[in-house]
Amino acid sequence: MTGLLIALIVIVVVIVAIALWLVGMYNGLVTFRNEVKNAWAQIDVQLKRRHDLIPNLVETARGYMQHERGTLEAVTQARNVAQAARSSAGGAASPEAAKAEQALTTALGQFLVTVERYPDLKANQNFLALQEELASTENKIGFARQFYNDQVMQYNTRIQSVPSNVIAGMFHFEPMDLFELKAEEERAVPVVKF
């Protein structure tokens, strides 16, 4: 009888240990997924800041750049598309929002290159302050994107590795997309002189 009791206790302990291990693995996956969502939220905060700066920058430049209406409208249109993409994604990471932000980055680069042809505008203190704030925001966006991609890589690795891939499959943990530049023109660095 005591042998049976000991065997039963060992079986219960093994079952409890396996259950705790599975719960720990599940909780680890949830933590990784939430870290990815938080990293995207940090990008979203900086993108909001960028979107708030652009109208002021464009309005300041409008008086100086009367012959560059197309460039100003392209930046404004790209900003509006990016804001709409962010809104439709509900603040979550989405390929559409990433693509719209990349288009906005390209339009801003073209705008800043065009600014170089207007020395009076480059000397305007308000414009210089806005341009400096935008440059700072762009740096923060770059760092936030890098952090997001690091978190996505860790999460994707975890859900694709044995044995956590079994738990990930059972509970529908889906891989997440990296925030990356796909088009060659988006990879080109705009030439900007301050």
Protein backbone atom coordinates (compact mmCIF):
# COMPACT_ATOMS: atom_id res chain seq x y z
CA MET A 1 0.00 0.00 0.00
CA THR A 2 2.79 2.46 0.80
CA GLY A 3 4.45 1.70 -2.56
CA LEU A 4 1.21 2.61 -4.31
CA LEU A 5 0.90 5.79 -2.26
CA ILE A 6 4.48 6.81 -3.08
CA ALA A 7 3.89 6.14 -6.79
CA LEU A 8 0.70 8.20 -6.67
CA ILE A 9 2.51 11.08 -4.93
CA VAL A 10 5.30 10.96 -7.54
CA ILE A 11 2.75 11.03 -10.37
CA VAL A 12 0.92 13.99 -8.80
CA VAL A 13 4.20 15.86 -8.29
CA VAL A 14 5.22 15.24 -11.91
CA ILE A 15 1.81 16.39 -13.19
CA VAL A 16 1.95 19.53 -11.03
CA ALA A 17 5.53 20.24 -12.18
CA ILE A 18 4.53 19.86 -15.84
CA ALA A 19 1.46 22.06 -15.31
CA LEU A 20 3.57 24.77 -13.63
CA TRP A 21 6.13 24.56 -16.43
CA LEU A 22 3.37 24.96 -19.08
CA VAL A 23 1.82 27.87 -17.19
CA GLY A 24 5.23 29.51 -16.91
CA MET A 25 5.86 29.06 -20.63
CA TYR A 26 2.42 30.49 -21.50
CA ASN A 27 2.98 33.47 -19.20
CA GLY A 28 6.39 34.03 -20.77
CA LEU A 29 4.82 34.16 -24.23
CA VAL A 30 2.19 36.61 -23.00
CA THR A 31 4.96 38.78 -21.54
CA PHE A 32 6.88 38.78 -24.83
CA ARG A 33 3.72 39.65 -26.79
CA ASN A 34 2.96 42.53 -24.43
CA GLU A 35 6.53 43.81 -24.71
CA VAL A 36 6.11 43.93 -28.49
CA LYS A 37 2.84 45.83 -28.10
CA ASN A 38 4.51 48.26 -25.70
CA ALA A 39 7.39 48.79 -28.13
CA TRP A 40 4.89 49.61 -30.89
CA ALA A 41 3.13 52.03 -28.53
CA GLN A 42 6.45 53.84 -28.05
CA ILE A 43 6.77 54.23 -31.82
CA ASP A 44 3.17 55.42 -31.92
CA VAL A 45 3.89 58.15 -29.35
CA GLN A 46 6.78 59.48 -31.42
CA LEU A 47 4.77 59.27 -34.64
CA LYS A 48 2.02 61.33 -33.00
CA ARG A 49 4.61 63.91 -32.01
CA ARG A 50 5.92 63.95 -35.58
CA HIS A 51 2.40 64.38 -36.96
CA ASP A 52 1.82 67.30 -34.61
CA LEU A 53 5.02 69.04 -35.71
CA ILE A 54 4.51 68.77 -39.46
CA PRO A 55 1.63 71.29 -39.85
CA ASN A 56 3.62 73.93 -37.96
CA LEU A 57 6.72 73.26 -40.06
CA VAL A 58 4.76 73.39 -43.33
CA GLU A 59 2.89 76.54 -42.30
CA THR A 60 6.14 78.30 -41.37
CA ALA A 61 7.67 77.34 -44.71
CA ARG A 62 4.58 78.21 -46.77
CA GLY A 63 5.30 81.93 -46.82
CA TYR A 64 8.85 81.44 -48.06
CA MET A 65 8.23 78.58 -50.46
CA GLN A 66 5.37 79.91 -52.59
CA HIS A 67 6.69 78.14 -55.69
CA GLU A 68 6.95 74.78 -53.92
CA ARG A 69 3.24 74.17 -53.39
CA GLY A 70 3.51 70.57 -54.67
CA THR A 71 6.17 69.69 -52.10
CA LEU A 72 4.17 71.23 -49.26
CA GLU A 73 1.00 69.45 -50.36
CA ALA A 74 2.87 66.12 -50.67
CA VAL A 75 4.04 66.37 -47.05
CA THR A 76 0.58 67.35 -45.84
CA GLN A 77 -1.06 64.54 -47.83
CA ALA A 78 1.47 61.95 -46.60
CA ARG A 79 0.83 63.09 -43.01
CA ASN A 80 -2.93 62.74 -43.46
CA VAL A 81 -2.58 59.25 -44.94
CA ALA A 82 -0.26 58.22 -42.09
CA GLN A 83 -2.69 59.53 -39.47
CA ALA A 84 -5.59 57.70 -41.13
CA ALA A 85 -3.57 54.46 -41.23
CA ARG A 86 -2.71 54.80 -37.53
CA SER A 87 -6.35 55.48 -36.68
CA SER A 88 -7.65 52.52 -38.66
CA ALA A 89 -5.11 50.25 -36.95
CA GLY A 90 -6.34 51.45 -33.57
CA GLY A 91 -2.81 52.13 -32.34
CA ALA A 92 -1.70 48.57 -33.07
CA ALA A 93 1.19 47.61 -35.30
CA SER A 94 0.04 47.18 -38.88
CA PRO A 95 1.78 46.89 -42.25
CA GLU A 96 -0.45 49.66 -43.63
CA ALA A 97 0.56 52.10 -40.89
CA ALA A 98 4.24 51.23 -41.35
CA LYS A 99 3.97 51.78 -45.11
CA ALA A 100 2.22 55.13 -44.64
CA GLU A 101 4.88 56.25 -42.16
CA GLN A 102 7.61 55.27 -44.60
CA ALA A 103 5.91 57.37 -47.30
CA LEU A 104 5.77 60.28 -44.86
CA THR A 105 9.47 59.88 -44.11
CA THR A 106 10.21 60.08 -47.84
CA ALA A 107 8.02 63.18 -48.29
CA LEU A 108 9.69 64.87 -45.30
CA GLY A 109 13.11 64.11 -46.76
CA GLN A 110 12.13 65.73 -50.05
CA PHE A 111 10.71 68.71 -48.18
CA LEU A 112 13.91 69.22 -46.20
CA VAL A 113 16.00 68.99 -49.36
CA THR A 114 13.78 71.65 -50.97
CA VAL A 115 14.22 73.92 -47.93
CA GLU A 116 17.91 74.18 -48.80
CA ARG A 117 16.99 76.46 -51.73
CA TYR A 118 15.53 79.09 -49.39
CA PRO A 119 18.22 80.82 -47.29
CA ASP A 120 15.71 83.19 -45.67
CA LEU A 121 13.64 80.26 -44.48
CA LYS A 122 16.73 78.50 -43.13
CA ALA A 123 17.48 81.64 -41.12
CA ASN A 124 13.98 81.86 -39.60
CA GLN A 125 14.29 81.05 -35.88
CA ASN A 126 10.83 79.52 -35.61
CA PHE A 127 11.52 77.25 -38.57
CA LEU A 128 14.93 76.30 -37.18
CA ALA A 129 13.40 75.39 -33.82
CA LEU A 130 10.70 73.27 -35.49
CA GLN A 131 13.27 71.63 -37.74
CA GLU A 132 15.46 70.80 -34.74
CA GLU A 133 12.49 69.35 -32.86
CA LEU A 134 11.54 67.29 -35.91
CA ALA A 135 15.11 65.99 -36.23
CA SER A 136 15.05 65.00 -32.56
CA THR A 137 11.72 63.26 -33.05
CA GLU A 138 13.04 61.40 -36.10
CA ASN A 139 15.95 60.13 -34.00
CA LYS A 140 13.55 58.95 -31.30
CA ILE A 141 11.44 57.21 -33.94
CA GLY A 142 14.55 55.46 -35.22
CA PHE A 143 15.47 54.23 -31.75
CA ALA A 144 11.87 53.17 -31.05
CA ARG A 145 11.75 51.22 -34.33
CA GLN A 146 15.00 49.48 -33.45
CA PHE A 147 13.66 48.56 -30.00
CA TYR A 148 10.41 47.33 -31.54
CA ASN A 149 12.25 45.14 -34.04
CA ASP A 150 14.39 43.69 -31.24
CA GLN A 151 11.26 42.82 -29.26
CA VAL A 152 9.56 41.30 -32.33
CA MET A 153 12.64 39.20 -33.04
CA GLN A 154 12.71 37.85 -29.48
CA TYR A 155 8.98 37.15 -29.52
CA ASN A 156 9.05 35.44 -32.93
CA THR A 157 12.05 33.36 -31.90
CA ARG A 158 10.28 32.26 -28.73
CA ILE A 159 7.05 31.23 -30.47
CA GLN A 160 8.97 29.32 -33.15
CA SER A 161 11.37 27.49 -30.80
CA VAL A 162 10.80 24.05 -29.31
CA PRO A 163 9.06 23.45 -26.89
CA SER A 164 7.35 26.85 -26.59
CA ASN A 165 6.11 26.57 -30.19
CA VAL A 166 3.66 23.88 -28.98
CA ILE A 167 2.11 26.25 -26.44
CA ALA A 168 2.21 29.13 -28.97
CA GLY A 169 0.34 26.99 -31.48
CA MET A 170 -2.24 25.84 -28.97
CA PHE A 171 -3.04 29.41 -27.91
CA HIS A 172 -2.71 31.06 -31.34
CA PHE A 173 0.34 33.23 -30.72
CA GLU A 174 0.98 34.63 -34.21
CA PRO A 175 4.33 35.93 -35.49
CA MET A 176 4.58 39.70 -35.72
CA ASP A 177 6.04 41.74 -38.56
CA LEU A 178 9.25 43.70 -38.26
CA PHE A 179 9.15 47.42 -39.00
CA GLU A 180 11.32 47.54 -42.09
CA LEU A 181 11.85 49.60 -45.21
CA LYS A 182 10.87 47.69 -48.30
CA ALA A 183 11.27 50.18 -51.18
CA GLU A 184 14.72 51.29 -52.30
CA GLU A 185 13.79 55.00 -52.27
CA GLU A 186 12.83 54.70 -48.61
CA ARG A 187 16.33 53.38 -47.85
CA ALA A 188 17.98 56.40 -49.46
CA VAL A 189 19.22 58.95 -46.95
CA PRO A 190 18.01 62.49 -47.74
CA VAL A 191 20.72 65.10 -47.80
CA VAL A 192 19.87 67.68 -45.18
CA LYS A 193 22.07 70.54 -44.01
CA PHE A 194 21.23 72.47 -40.86
